[in-house]
């Protein structure tokens, strides 16, 4: 299944991630002018950094490279882990990469600079090691650089968790139930950027700021 789509800044090219056969997933570059599709390498969960680099996950690693599939650097590598979710969010320079990782020790939130370097942080979300039906997904961010919180959706408890972007310290949580539709009992996928709220509910309906978008959906960014 498709687990990620990202666009270049000029909106001429998309990269689509397909997870996960083979196990590392597959990355395909798509020309939006011609529709031509090109396999560029293994991986999934593609995202573009503000510096124009392609960030992607491959099993337990987070890699940064170019649109031709070449890898310039590996930001994170856990040989025994699996990247459940990943996104690029605002930060210094090319932004920050935030990922949810599961391994034999549990499930944790990790963050590091998209440009690379040794400064990164992580925090445990749960002692659960189950990745076939993950309960956690990234849900966006709130605030501005310097005063930013990362959001994580815990579907099992219908909770939106908040973490300080600098230290990844928990700064609160609240119910993830959103929207005015009374049949919406919680989100299965959510992406929040301050006051802009997008979510998919348990009936595969997509809402953008409480306005339903026609069709059926599994996730949103």
N, C-alpha and C. Protein backbone atom coordinates (compact mmCIF):
# COMPACT_ATOMS: atom_id res chain seq x y z
N UNK A 1 0.84 -1.19 0.00
CA UNK A 1 0.00 0.00 0.00
C UNK A 1 0.87 1.24 0.00
N UNK A 2 0.32 2.35 -0.48
CA UNK A 2 1.04 3.62 -0.49
C UNK A 2 1.05 4.20 0.92
N UNK A 3 2.24 4.45 1.45
CA UNK A 3 2.32 4.97 2.83
C UNK A 3 2.92 6.36 2.89
N UNK A 4 3.16 6.98 1.73
CA UNK A 4 3.69 8.33 1.74
C UNK A 4 3.78 8.91 0.35
N UNK A 5 3.48 10.20 0.23
CA UNK A 5 3.61 10.96 -1.01
C UNK A 5 4.20 12.31 -0.65
N UNK A 6 5.22 12.74 -1.39
CA UNK A 6 5.81 14.05 -1.13
C UNK A 6 6.07 14.75 -2.45
N UNK A 7 6.02 16.08 -2.44
CA UNK A 7 6.21 16.89 -3.64
C UNK A 7 7.48 17.73 -3.51
N UNK A 8 8.13 17.96 -4.66
CA UNK A 8 9.23 18.92 -4.68
C UNK A 8 8.66 20.32 -4.52
N UNK A 9 9.53 21.27 -4.16
CA UNK A 9 9.07 22.64 -3.90
C UNK A 9 8.41 23.27 -5.12
N UNK A 10 8.89 22.92 -6.33
CA UNK A 10 8.31 23.49 -7.55
C UNK A 10 7.09 22.71 -8.04
N UNK A 11 6.71 21.66 -7.31
CA UNK A 11 5.52 20.86 -7.59
C UNK A 11 5.54 20.24 -8.98
N UNK A 12 6.73 19.90 -9.47
CA UNK A 12 6.84 19.22 -10.76
C UNK A 12 7.03 17.72 -10.61
N UNK A 13 7.44 17.30 -9.40
CA UNK A 13 7.79 15.90 -9.18
C UNK A 13 7.24 15.42 -7.85
N UNK A 14 6.73 14.20 -7.85
CA UNK A 14 6.28 13.56 -6.62
C UNK A 14 7.12 12.32 -6.39
N UNK A 15 7.30 11.96 -5.13
CA UNK A 15 7.91 10.68 -4.77
C UNK A 15 6.88 9.92 -3.95
N UNK A 16 6.63 8.69 -4.37
CA UNK A 16 5.60 7.85 -3.74
C UNK A 16 6.29 6.68 -3.07
N UNK A 17 5.96 6.44 -1.80
CA UNK A 17 6.49 5.31 -1.06
C UNK A 17 5.46 4.20 -0.98
N UNK A 18 5.89 2.97 -1.27
CA UNK A 18 5.01 1.80 -1.20
C UNK A 18 5.59 0.85 -0.16
N UNK A 19 4.77 0.47 0.81
CA UNK A 19 5.22 -0.38 1.91
C UNK A 19 4.40 -1.67 1.94
N UNK A 20 4.94 -2.81 2.18
CA UNK A 20 6.38 -3.03 2.30
C UNK A 20 6.75 -4.38 1.67
N UNK A 21 6.49 -4.52 0.42
CA UNK A 21 6.99 -5.65 -0.35
C UNK A 21 7.82 -5.09 -1.49
N UNK A 22 9.17 -5.27 -1.48
CA UNK A 22 9.95 -6.00 -0.48
C UNK A 22 9.89 -5.33 0.89
N UNK A 23 10.51 -5.96 1.88
CA UNK A 23 10.35 -5.52 3.26
C UNK A 23 10.81 -4.10 3.48
N UNK A 24 11.78 -3.63 2.71
CA UNK A 24 12.26 -2.25 2.88
C UNK A 24 11.34 -1.23 2.22
N UNK A 25 10.39 -1.70 1.39
CA UNK A 25 9.52 -0.79 0.66
C UNK A 25 10.15 -0.35 -0.65
N UNK A 26 9.40 0.43 -1.44
CA UNK A 26 9.88 0.89 -2.74
C UNK A 26 9.55 2.36 -2.92
N UNK A 27 10.51 3.11 -3.48
CA UNK A 27 10.33 4.53 -3.75
C UNK A 27 10.24 4.75 -5.26
N UNK A 28 9.21 5.47 -5.68
CA UNK A 28 9.02 5.76 -7.10
C UNK A 28 8.90 7.26 -7.31
N UNK A 29 9.64 7.77 -8.29
CA UNK A 29 9.57 9.19 -8.67
C UNK A 29 8.55 9.32 -9.81
N UNK A 30 7.67 10.32 -9.69
CA UNK A 30 6.63 10.51 -10.69
C UNK A 30 6.70 11.93 -11.24
N UNK A 31 6.78 12.05 -12.56
CA UNK A 31 6.70 13.36 -13.21
C UNK A 31 5.24 13.79 -13.26
N UNK A 32 4.92 14.94 -12.69
CA UNK A 32 3.54 15.41 -12.68
C UNK A 32 3.13 15.99 -14.03
N UNK A 33 4.11 16.22 -14.90
CA UNK A 33 3.80 16.72 -16.24
C UNK A 33 3.43 15.59 -17.19
N UNK A 34 4.15 14.46 -17.07
CA UNK A 34 3.94 13.36 -18.03
C UNK A 34 3.35 12.11 -17.39
N UNK A 35 3.41 12.01 -16.07
CA UNK A 35 2.94 10.80 -15.40
C UNK A 35 3.96 9.67 -15.41
N UNK A 36 5.16 9.93 -15.96
CA UNK A 36 6.19 8.89 -16.03
C UNK A 36 6.62 8.48 -14.62
N UNK A 37 6.67 7.19 -14.38
CA UNK A 37 7.04 6.65 -13.07
C UNK A 37 8.38 5.94 -13.18
N UNK A 38 9.29 6.27 -12.23
CA UNK A 38 10.62 5.69 -12.23
C UNK A 38 10.95 5.16 -10.84
N UNK A 39 11.31 3.88 -10.76
CA UNK A 39 11.77 3.31 -9.49
C UNK A 39 13.14 3.89 -9.17
N UNK A 40 13.30 4.46 -7.95
CA UNK A 40 14.57 5.09 -7.60
C UNK A 40 15.29 4.39 -6.46
N UNK A 41 14.66 3.41 -5.82
CA UNK A 41 15.36 2.71 -4.76
C UNK A 41 14.40 2.12 -3.74
N UNK A 42 14.97 1.46 -2.75
CA UNK A 42 14.18 0.85 -1.70
C UNK A 42 13.97 1.82 -0.55
N UNK A 43 12.81 1.76 0.05
CA UNK A 43 12.48 2.64 1.16
C UNK A 43 10.99 2.92 1.17
N UNK A 44 10.56 3.73 2.13
CA UNK A 44 9.17 4.13 2.22
C UNK A 44 9.08 5.41 3.05
N UNK A 45 7.87 5.93 3.27
CA UNK A 45 7.63 7.16 4.03
C UNK A 45 8.46 8.34 3.50
N UNK A 46 8.41 8.63 2.20
CA UNK A 46 9.22 9.73 1.67
C UNK A 46 8.74 11.09 2.16
N UNK A 47 9.69 12.02 2.32
CA UNK A 47 9.39 13.41 2.70
C UNK A 47 10.51 14.29 2.16
N UNK A 48 10.16 15.52 1.76
CA UNK A 48 11.17 16.45 1.28
C UNK A 48 11.57 17.39 2.40
N UNK A 49 12.89 17.61 2.54
CA UNK A 49 13.37 18.60 3.49
C UNK A 49 13.26 19.98 2.86
N UNK A 50 13.31 21.02 3.69
CA UNK A 50 13.25 22.38 3.15
C UNK A 50 14.48 22.71 2.33
N UNK A 51 15.55 21.91 2.47
CA UNK A 51 16.75 22.08 1.66
C UNK A 51 16.68 21.38 0.33
N UNK A 52 15.56 20.70 0.04
CA UNK A 52 15.38 20.04 -1.25
C UNK A 52 15.88 18.62 -1.31
N UNK A 53 16.22 18.02 -0.16
CA UNK A 53 16.68 16.64 -0.14
C UNK A 53 15.53 15.68 0.14
N UNK A 54 15.67 14.47 -0.37
CA UNK A 54 14.67 13.43 -0.14
C UNK A 54 15.03 12.65 1.12
N UNK A 55 14.10 12.62 2.07
CA UNK A 55 14.27 11.85 3.31
C UNK A 55 13.34 10.64 3.22
N UNK A 56 13.85 9.46 3.58
CA UNK A 56 13.03 8.25 3.52
C UNK A 56 13.48 7.26 4.58
N UNK A 57 12.60 6.31 4.86
CA UNK A 57 12.90 5.25 5.81
C UNK A 57 13.14 3.95 5.08
N UNK A 58 13.97 3.10 5.66
CA UNK A 58 14.21 1.77 5.11
C UNK A 58 14.44 0.82 6.29
N UNK A 59 13.43 0.04 6.63
CA UNK A 59 13.44 -0.87 7.77
C UNK A 59 13.73 -0.05 9.04
N UNK A 60 14.95 -0.09 9.59
CA UNK A 60 15.23 0.63 10.82
C UNK A 60 16.10 1.85 10.64
N UNK A 61 16.21 2.37 9.43
CA UNK A 61 17.08 3.52 9.19
C UNK A 61 16.31 4.68 8.57
N UNK A 62 16.84 5.89 8.77
CA UNK A 62 16.32 7.10 8.13
C UNK A 62 17.45 7.67 7.28
N UNK A 63 17.20 7.81 5.98
CA UNK A 63 18.23 8.22 5.03
C UNK A 63 17.88 9.53 4.36
N UNK A 64 18.92 10.28 3.98
CA UNK A 64 18.76 11.54 3.26
C UNK A 64 19.55 11.44 1.97
N UNK A 65 18.91 11.86 0.86
CA UNK A 65 19.60 11.77 -0.42
C UNK A 65 18.96 12.64 -1.48
N UNK A 66 19.07 12.19 -2.72
CA UNK A 66 18.62 12.96 -3.87
C UNK A 66 17.43 12.27 -4.54
N UNK A 67 16.83 12.97 -5.50
CA UNK A 67 15.66 12.44 -6.19
C UNK A 67 15.99 11.29 -7.13
N UNK A 68 17.28 11.05 -7.38
CA UNK A 68 17.65 9.89 -8.19
C UNK A 68 17.83 8.63 -7.35
N UNK A 69 17.59 8.76 -6.04
CA UNK A 69 17.67 7.59 -5.17
C UNK A 69 19.00 7.41 -4.46
N UNK A 70 20.01 8.20 -4.80
CA UNK A 70 21.29 8.08 -4.13
C UNK A 70 21.16 8.57 -2.69
N UNK A 71 21.87 7.93 -1.77
CA UNK A 71 21.82 8.27 -0.34
C UNK A 71 23.09 9.02 0.03
N UNK A 72 22.92 10.23 0.59
CA UNK A 72 24.06 11.03 0.99
C UNK A 72 24.48 10.73 2.42
N UNK A 73 23.51 10.51 3.30
CA UNK A 73 23.82 10.25 4.70
C UNK A 73 22.68 9.49 5.36
N UNK A 74 23.00 8.78 6.42
CA UNK A 74 22.01 8.08 7.23
C UNK A 74 21.90 8.79 8.57
N UNK A 75 20.71 9.30 8.87
CA UNK A 75 20.50 10.06 10.10
C UNK A 75 20.32 9.17 11.31
N UNK A 76 19.71 8.02 11.10
CA UNK A 76 19.35 7.13 12.20
C UNK A 76 19.43 5.70 11.69
N UNK A 77 19.94 4.80 12.53
CA UNK A 77 20.02 3.40 12.11
C UNK A 77 19.91 2.50 13.33
N UNK A 78 18.84 1.71 13.36
CA UNK A 78 18.63 0.70 14.39
C UNK A 78 18.44 -0.63 13.67
N UNK A 79 19.49 -1.47 13.61
CA UNK A 79 19.41 -2.72 12.86
C UNK A 79 18.27 -3.63 13.31
N UNK A 80 17.84 -3.47 14.56
CA UNK A 80 16.77 -4.31 15.09
C UNK A 80 15.42 -3.59 15.12
N UNK A 81 15.37 -2.39 14.56
CA UNK A 81 14.16 -1.59 14.65
C UNK A 81 13.38 -1.52 13.36
N UNK A 82 12.24 -0.83 13.43
CA UNK A 82 11.37 -0.60 12.29
C UNK A 82 10.81 0.81 12.42
N UNK A 83 10.86 1.58 11.33
CA UNK A 83 10.32 2.94 11.33
C UNK A 83 8.82 2.85 11.05
N UNK A 84 8.01 3.16 12.06
CA UNK A 84 6.56 3.11 11.89
C UNK A 84 6.04 4.33 11.14
N UNK A 85 6.61 5.49 11.43
CA UNK A 85 6.15 6.72 10.81
C UNK A 85 7.29 7.72 10.83
N UNK A 86 7.25 8.68 9.89
CA UNK A 86 8.33 9.66 9.79
C UNK A 86 7.82 10.89 9.05
N UNK A 87 8.34 12.06 9.42
CA UNK A 87 7.96 13.31 8.75
C UNK A 87 9.08 14.32 8.92
N UNK A 88 9.11 15.30 8.03
CA UNK A 88 10.00 16.45 8.16
C UNK A 88 9.16 17.63 8.64
N UNK A 89 9.62 18.29 9.70
CA UNK A 89 8.87 19.40 10.29
C UNK A 89 9.80 20.62 10.38
N UNK A 90 9.25 21.82 10.63
CA UNK A 90 10.10 23.02 10.69
C UNK A 90 11.19 22.91 11.75
N UNK A 91 12.31 23.56 11.46
CA UNK A 91 13.44 23.59 12.37
C UNK A 91 14.56 24.39 11.73
N UNK A 92 15.69 24.46 12.40
CA UNK A 92 16.82 25.20 11.85
C UNK A 92 17.29 24.57 10.54
N UNK A 93 17.72 25.40 9.59
CA UNK A 93 18.28 24.90 8.35
C UNK A 93 17.26 24.15 7.52
N UNK A 94 17.52 22.87 7.26
CA UNK A 94 16.66 22.06 6.40
C UNK A 94 15.50 21.44 7.15
N UNK A 95 15.34 21.77 8.42
CA UNK A 95 14.23 21.24 9.19
C UNK A 95 14.65 20.07 10.06
N UNK A 96 13.68 19.53 10.77
CA UNK A 96 13.90 18.38 11.65
C UNK A 96 13.18 17.16 11.08
N UNK A 97 13.80 16.01 11.28
CA UNK A 97 13.16 14.73 10.95
C UNK A 97 12.66 14.12 12.25
N UNK A 98 11.40 13.76 12.27
CA UNK A 98 10.79 13.13 13.44
C UNK A 98 10.30 11.75 13.02
N UNK A 99 10.60 10.74 13.84
CA UNK A 99 10.22 9.37 13.49
C UNK A 99 9.72 8.63 14.71
N UNK A 100 8.84 7.67 14.47
CA UNK A 100 8.41 6.73 15.50
C UNK A 100 9.05 5.39 15.16
N UNK A 101 9.79 4.85 16.13
CA UNK A 101 10.58 3.64 15.92
C UNK A 101 10.14 2.57 16.91
N UNK A 102 10.02 1.34 16.45
CA UNK A 102 9.72 0.23 17.35
C UNK A 102 10.84 -0.80 17.25
N UNK A 103 11.27 -1.33 18.40
CA UNK A 103 12.26 -2.41 18.42
C UNK A 103 11.97 -3.27 19.65
N UNK A 104 12.91 -4.11 20.02
CA UNK A 104 12.69 -5.05 21.11
C UNK A 104 12.49 -4.36 22.45
N UNK A 105 12.89 -3.09 22.56
CA UNK A 105 12.75 -2.36 23.83
C UNK A 105 11.43 -1.61 23.94
N UNK A 106 10.72 -1.45 22.84
CA UNK A 106 9.45 -0.72 22.87
C UNK A 106 9.32 0.23 21.70
N UNK A 107 8.45 1.22 21.86
CA UNK A 107 8.18 2.20 20.81
C UNK A 107 8.62 3.57 21.29
N UNK A 108 9.38 4.29 20.46
CA UNK A 108 9.90 5.59 20.90
C UNK A 108 9.79 6.63 19.80
N UNK A 109 9.82 7.88 20.22
CA UNK A 109 9.82 9.03 19.33
C UNK A 109 11.25 9.54 19.22
N UNK A 110 11.73 9.74 17.99
CA UNK A 110 13.10 10.20 17.74
C UNK A 110 13.05 11.45 16.88
N UNK A 111 13.97 12.39 17.12
CA UNK A 111 14.06 13.60 16.31
C UNK A 111 15.52 13.98 16.10
N UNK A 112 15.85 14.42 14.89
CA UNK A 112 17.20 14.87 14.56
C UNK A 112 17.15 15.84 13.39
N UNK A 113 18.23 16.58 13.19
CA UNK A 113 18.29 17.57 12.11
C UNK A 113 18.32 16.88 10.75
N UNK A 114 17.54 17.40 9.79
CA UNK A 114 17.53 16.83 8.45
C UNK A 114 18.87 16.98 7.75
N UNK A 115 19.65 17.97 8.18
CA UNK A 115 20.97 18.19 7.58
C UNK A 115 22.02 17.25 8.15
N UNK A 116 21.66 16.46 9.17
CA UNK A 116 22.61 15.54 9.78
C UNK A 116 23.26 16.13 11.01
N UNK A 117 24.18 15.37 11.59
CA UNK A 117 24.86 15.82 12.80
C UNK A 117 24.57 14.89 13.96
N UNK A 118 25.24 15.16 15.07
CA UNK A 118 25.16 14.28 16.23
C UNK A 118 24.09 14.70 17.25
N UNK A 119 23.42 15.82 17.02
CA UNK A 119 22.43 16.30 17.98
C UNK A 119 21.07 15.71 17.65
N UNK A 120 20.60 14.81 18.49
CA UNK A 120 19.28 14.24 18.32
C UNK A 120 18.73 13.88 19.70
N UNK A 121 17.46 13.55 19.75
CA UNK A 121 16.83 13.22 21.02
C UNK A 121 15.77 12.17 20.79
N UNK A 122 15.39 11.48 21.87
CA UNK A 122 14.36 10.47 21.76
C UNK A 122 13.67 10.30 23.11
N UNK A 123 12.46 9.75 23.07
CA UNK A 123 11.69 9.51 24.28
C UNK A 123 10.83 8.28 24.06
N UNK A 124 10.68 7.46 25.08
CA UNK A 124 9.85 6.27 24.98
C UNK A 124 8.37 6.65 24.96
N UNK A 125 7.63 6.04 24.06
CA UNK A 125 6.18 6.20 24.01
C UNK A 125 5.46 5.07 24.70
N UNK A 126 6.03 3.86 24.58
CA UNK A 126 5.37 2.68 25.12
C UNK A 126 6.38 1.54 25.17
N UNK A 127 6.12 0.56 26.02
CA UNK A 127 6.94 -0.65 26.05
C UNK A 127 6.45 -1.66 25.03
N UNK A 128 5.41 -1.32 24.27
CA UNK A 128 4.88 -2.22 23.26
C UNK A 128 5.90 -2.42 22.14
N UNK A 129 6.08 -3.67 21.72
CA UNK A 129 6.98 -3.98 20.62
C UNK A 129 6.22 -4.48 19.40
N UNK A 130 4.92 -4.32 19.40
CA UNK A 130 4.09 -4.80 18.30
C UNK A 130 4.08 -3.79 17.17
N UNK A 131 4.50 -4.21 15.97
CA UNK A 131 4.50 -3.27 14.85
C UNK A 131 3.57 -3.69 13.71
N UNK A 132 2.88 -4.83 13.85
CA UNK A 132 1.98 -5.25 12.77
C UNK A 132 0.73 -4.39 12.75
N UNK A 133 0.27 -3.93 13.91
CA UNK A 133 -0.87 -3.02 14.00
C UNK A 133 -0.50 -1.88 14.95
N UNK A 134 0.34 -0.95 14.46
CA UNK A 134 0.86 0.09 15.36
C UNK A 134 -0.23 1.00 15.88
N UNK A 135 -0.10 1.41 17.15
CA UNK A 135 -1.06 2.32 17.76
C UNK A 135 -0.67 3.77 17.59
N UNK A 136 0.61 4.03 17.30
CA UNK A 136 1.11 5.40 17.28
C UNK A 136 1.36 5.88 15.86
N UNK A 137 1.08 7.16 15.63
CA UNK A 137 1.43 7.80 14.35
C UNK A 137 1.70 9.27 14.61
N UNK A 138 2.54 9.88 13.78
CA UNK A 138 2.80 11.30 13.90
C UNK A 138 1.55 12.08 13.51
N UNK A 139 1.31 13.18 14.20
CA UNK A 139 0.07 13.93 13.99
C UNK A 139 0.31 15.42 13.78
N UNK A 140 1.55 15.82 13.45
CA UNK A 140 1.80 17.21 13.13
C UNK A 140 2.55 17.96 14.21
N UNK A 141 2.35 19.28 14.25
CA UNK A 141 3.08 20.12 15.20
C UNK A 141 2.28 21.39 15.46
N UNK A 142 2.61 22.03 16.57
CA UNK A 142 1.94 23.28 16.95
C UNK A 142 2.98 24.24 17.50
N UNK A 143 2.82 25.51 17.20
CA UNK A 143 3.77 26.52 17.63
C UNK A 143 4.69 26.94 16.51
N UNK A 144 5.76 27.65 16.86
CA UNK A 144 6.74 28.15 15.91
C UNK A 144 8.13 27.67 16.32
N UNK A 145 9.09 27.63 15.36
CA UNK A 145 10.45 27.23 15.73
C UNK A 145 10.94 28.00 16.96
N UNK A 146 11.47 27.28 17.92
CA UNK A 146 11.87 27.86 19.20
C UNK A 146 10.84 27.64 20.28
N UNK A 147 9.60 27.40 19.87
CA UNK A 147 8.52 27.11 20.83
C UNK A 147 7.54 26.16 20.15
N UNK A 148 8.07 24.99 19.80
CA UNK A 148 7.33 24.03 18.96
C UNK A 148 7.04 22.77 19.75
N UNK A 149 5.87 22.19 19.51
CA UNK A 149 5.53 20.89 20.09
C UNK A 149 5.19 19.92 18.97
N UNK A 150 5.76 18.71 19.05
CA UNK A 150 5.41 17.64 18.12
C UNK A 150 4.19 16.90 18.66
N UNK A 151 3.31 16.47 17.77
CA UNK A 151 2.08 15.80 18.16
C UNK A 151 2.13 14.34 17.71
N UNK A 152 1.69 13.45 18.58
CA UNK A 152 1.64 12.01 18.30
C UNK A 152 0.24 11.51 18.63
N UNK A 153 -0.35 10.80 17.70
CA UNK A 153 -1.68 10.23 17.91
C UNK A 153 -1.55 8.81 18.45
N UNK A 154 -2.14 8.56 19.62
CA UNK A 154 -2.23 7.22 20.19
C UNK A 154 -3.65 6.73 19.93
N UNK A 155 -3.79 5.93 18.89
CA UNK A 155 -5.13 5.48 18.49
C UNK A 155 -5.76 4.56 19.53
N UNK A 156 -4.93 3.82 20.26
CA UNK A 156 -5.47 2.85 21.21
C UNK A 156 -6.20 3.53 22.36
N UNK A 157 -5.78 4.75 22.72
CA UNK A 157 -6.43 5.48 23.81
C UNK A 157 -7.14 6.73 23.32
N UNK A 158 -7.16 6.93 21.98
CA UNK A 158 -7.83 8.09 21.40
C UNK A 158 -7.26 9.39 22.00
N UNK A 159 -5.92 9.47 22.04
CA UNK A 159 -5.24 10.58 22.71
C UNK A 159 -4.25 11.24 21.77
N UNK A 160 -4.20 12.56 21.81
CA UNK A 160 -3.19 13.32 21.09
C UNK A 160 -2.13 13.75 22.09
N UNK A 161 -0.92 13.20 21.94
CA UNK A 161 0.18 13.46 22.85
C UNK A 161 1.03 14.61 22.32
N UNK A 162 1.55 15.45 23.23
CA UNK A 162 2.36 16.60 22.84
C UNK A 162 3.74 16.50 23.48
N UNK A 163 4.78 16.79 22.67
CA UNK A 163 6.15 16.71 23.15
C UNK A 163 6.90 17.97 22.75
N UNK A 164 7.61 18.56 23.72
CA UNK A 164 8.45 19.71 23.44
C UNK A 164 9.47 19.34 22.37
N UNK A 165 9.60 20.18 21.34
CA UNK A 165 10.44 19.84 20.20
C UNK A 165 11.93 19.81 20.53
N UNK A 166 12.35 20.54 21.54
CA UNK A 166 13.78 20.59 21.86
C UNK A 166 14.21 19.39 22.68
N UNK A 167 13.49 19.09 23.74
CA UNK A 167 13.89 18.01 24.65
C UNK A 167 13.07 16.75 24.48
N UNK A 168 12.02 16.80 23.66
CA UNK A 168 11.06 15.70 23.50
C UNK A 168 10.42 15.32 24.83
N UNK A 169 10.33 16.28 25.74
CA UNK A 169 9.65 16.02 27.01
C UNK A 169 8.15 16.13 26.82
N UNK A 170 7.37 15.23 27.42
CA UNK A 170 5.90 15.32 27.31
C UNK A 170 5.41 16.65 27.90
N UNK A 171 4.52 17.31 27.17
CA UNK A 171 3.98 18.58 27.65
C UNK A 171 2.45 18.55 27.69
N UNK A 172 1.88 17.34 27.74
CA UNK A 172 0.43 17.24 27.88
C UNK A 172 -0.20 16.37 26.83
N UNK A 173 -1.45 16.07 27.02
CA UNK A 173 -2.21 15.28 26.06
C UNK A 173 -3.68 15.60 26.24
N UNK A 174 -4.46 15.33 25.21
CA UNK A 174 -5.88 15.54 25.30
C UNK A 174 -6.59 14.61 24.32
N UNK A 175 -7.91 14.42 24.45
CA UNK A 175 -8.62 13.53 23.55
C UNK A 175 -8.45 13.97 22.10
N UNK A 176 -8.31 12.99 21.20
CA UNK A 176 -8.10 13.32 19.80
C UNK A 176 -9.40 13.49 19.04
N UNK A 177 -10.54 13.27 19.69
CA UNK A 177 -11.82 13.44 19.01
C UNK A 177 -11.95 14.88 18.54
N UNK A 178 -12.15 15.05 17.25
CA UNK A 178 -12.24 16.38 16.67
C UNK A 178 -13.41 16.42 15.70
N UNK A 179 -13.81 17.61 15.35
CA UNK A 179 -14.87 17.76 14.36
C UNK A 179 -16.24 17.89 14.98
N UNK A 180 -17.17 18.39 14.18
CA UNK A 180 -18.52 18.61 14.67
C UNK A 180 -19.46 17.46 14.34
N UNK A 181 -19.01 16.52 13.52
CA UNK A 181 -19.85 15.38 13.14
C UNK A 181 -19.99 14.45 14.33
N UNK A 182 -21.21 14.21 14.83
CA UNK A 182 -21.37 13.38 16.03
C UNK A 182 -20.97 11.93 15.84
N UNK A 183 -20.88 11.47 14.58
CA UNK A 183 -20.48 10.07 14.34
C UNK A 183 -18.98 9.90 14.34
N UNK A 184 -18.22 10.99 14.44
CA UNK A 184 -16.77 10.92 14.51
C UNK A 184 -16.36 10.63 15.95
N UNK A 185 -15.86 9.44 16.19
CA UNK A 185 -15.51 9.05 17.56
C UNK A 185 -14.01 9.04 17.79
N UNK A 186 -13.26 9.52 16.83
CA UNK A 186 -11.82 9.54 16.99
C UNK A 186 -11.13 9.45 15.65
N UNK A 187 -9.88 9.84 15.61
CA UNK A 187 -9.13 9.84 14.36
C UNK A 187 -8.25 8.60 14.28
N UNK A 188 -8.13 8.03 13.09
CA UNK A 188 -7.17 6.95 12.86
C UNK A 188 -5.91 7.49 12.22
N UNK A 189 -6.00 8.70 11.67
CA UNK A 189 -4.84 9.41 11.14
C UNK A 189 -5.13 10.90 11.26
N UNK A 190 -4.12 11.67 11.63
CA UNK A 190 -4.34 13.10 11.85
C UNK A 190 -3.08 13.86 11.49
N UNK A 191 -3.26 15.08 10.98
CA UNK A 191 -2.12 15.97 10.75
C UNK A 191 -2.56 17.39 11.08
N UNK A 192 -1.90 17.96 12.08
CA UNK A 192 -2.24 19.28 12.58
C UNK A 192 -1.05 20.21 12.37
N UNK A 193 -1.32 21.38 11.79
CA UNK A 193 -0.32 22.45 11.73
C UNK A 193 -0.99 23.68 12.32
N UNK A 194 -0.72 23.89 13.60
CA UNK A 194 -1.37 24.96 14.36
C UNK A 194 -2.89 24.86 14.24
N UNK A 195 -3.55 25.81 13.58
CA UNK A 195 -5.00 25.80 13.52
C UNK A 195 -5.54 25.00 12.33
N UNK A 196 -4.67 24.47 11.49
CA UNK A 196 -5.09 23.68 10.35
C UNK A 196 -5.14 22.22 10.77
N UNK A 197 -6.34 21.63 10.81
CA UNK A 197 -6.54 20.28 11.33
C UNK A 197 -7.11 19.39 10.23
N UNK A 198 -6.39 18.32 9.92
CA UNK A 198 -6.87 17.33 8.95
C UNK A 198 -6.89 15.97 9.64
N UNK A 199 -7.92 15.20 9.40
CA UNK A 199 -7.95 13.88 10.02
C UNK A 199 -8.82 12.92 9.23
N UNK A 200 -8.51 11.64 9.39
CA UNK A 200 -9.31 10.55 8.83
C UNK A 200 -9.94 9.82 10.01
N UNK A 201 -11.24 9.62 9.95
CA UNK A 201 -11.91 8.94 11.06
C UNK A 201 -12.05 7.44 10.78
N UNK A 202 -12.69 6.74 11.71
CA UNK A 202 -12.81 5.29 11.60
C UNK A 202 -13.66 4.82 10.45
N UNK A 203 -14.38 5.73 9.80
CA UNK A 203 -15.18 5.38 8.63
C UNK A 203 -14.49 5.78 7.32
N UNK A 204 -13.18 6.02 7.40
CA UNK A 204 -12.35 6.36 6.24
C UNK A 204 -12.78 7.67 5.59
N UNK A 205 -13.30 8.58 6.40
CA UNK A 205 -13.69 9.88 5.89
C UNK A 205 -12.61 10.90 6.23
N UNK A 206 -12.26 11.74 5.25
CA UNK A 206 -11.27 12.78 5.45
C UNK A 206 -11.97 14.11 5.71
N UNK A 207 -11.53 14.79 6.78
CA UNK A 207 -12.03 16.12 7.11
C UNK A 207 -10.87 17.10 7.13
N UNK A 208 -11.06 18.25 6.51
CA UNK A 208 -10.08 19.33 6.58
C UNK A 208 -10.78 20.52 7.22
N UNK A 209 -10.37 20.84 8.43
CA UNK A 209 -11.02 21.91 9.21
C UNK A 209 -12.54 21.73 9.23
N UNK A 210 -12.95 20.50 9.56
CA UNK A 210 -14.36 20.12 9.72
C UNK A 210 -15.14 20.01 8.42
N UNK A 211 -14.49 20.19 7.28
CA UNK A 211 -15.17 20.04 5.99
C UNK A 211 -14.79 18.68 5.40
N UNK A 212 -15.79 17.83 5.13
CA UNK A 212 -15.52 16.50 4.62
C UNK A 212 -15.11 16.56 3.15
N UNK A 213 -14.07 15.79 2.80
CA UNK A 213 -13.59 15.68 1.43
C UNK A 213 -14.12 14.37 0.84
N UNK A 214 -14.75 14.40 -0.33
CA UNK A 214 -15.31 13.17 -0.91
C UNK A 214 -14.26 12.08 -1.08
N UNK A 215 -14.69 10.83 -0.94
CA UNK A 215 -13.81 9.69 -1.13
C UNK A 215 -13.57 8.93 0.15
N UNK A 216 -12.75 7.86 0.05
CA UNK A 216 -12.35 7.07 1.20
C UNK A 216 -10.84 7.20 1.38
N UNK A 217 -10.40 7.29 2.64
CA UNK A 217 -9.00 7.56 2.94
C UNK A 217 -8.51 6.70 4.09
N UNK A 218 -7.19 6.43 4.11
CA UNK A 218 -6.58 5.66 5.18
C UNK A 218 -5.68 6.53 6.06
N UNK A 219 -5.06 7.56 5.48
CA UNK A 219 -4.16 8.41 6.25
C UNK A 219 -4.12 9.78 5.62
N UNK A 220 -3.57 10.74 6.36
CA UNK A 220 -3.50 12.12 5.87
C UNK A 220 -2.20 12.77 6.33
N UNK A 221 -1.70 13.69 5.51
CA UNK A 221 -0.57 14.55 5.88
C UNK A 221 -0.97 15.99 5.55
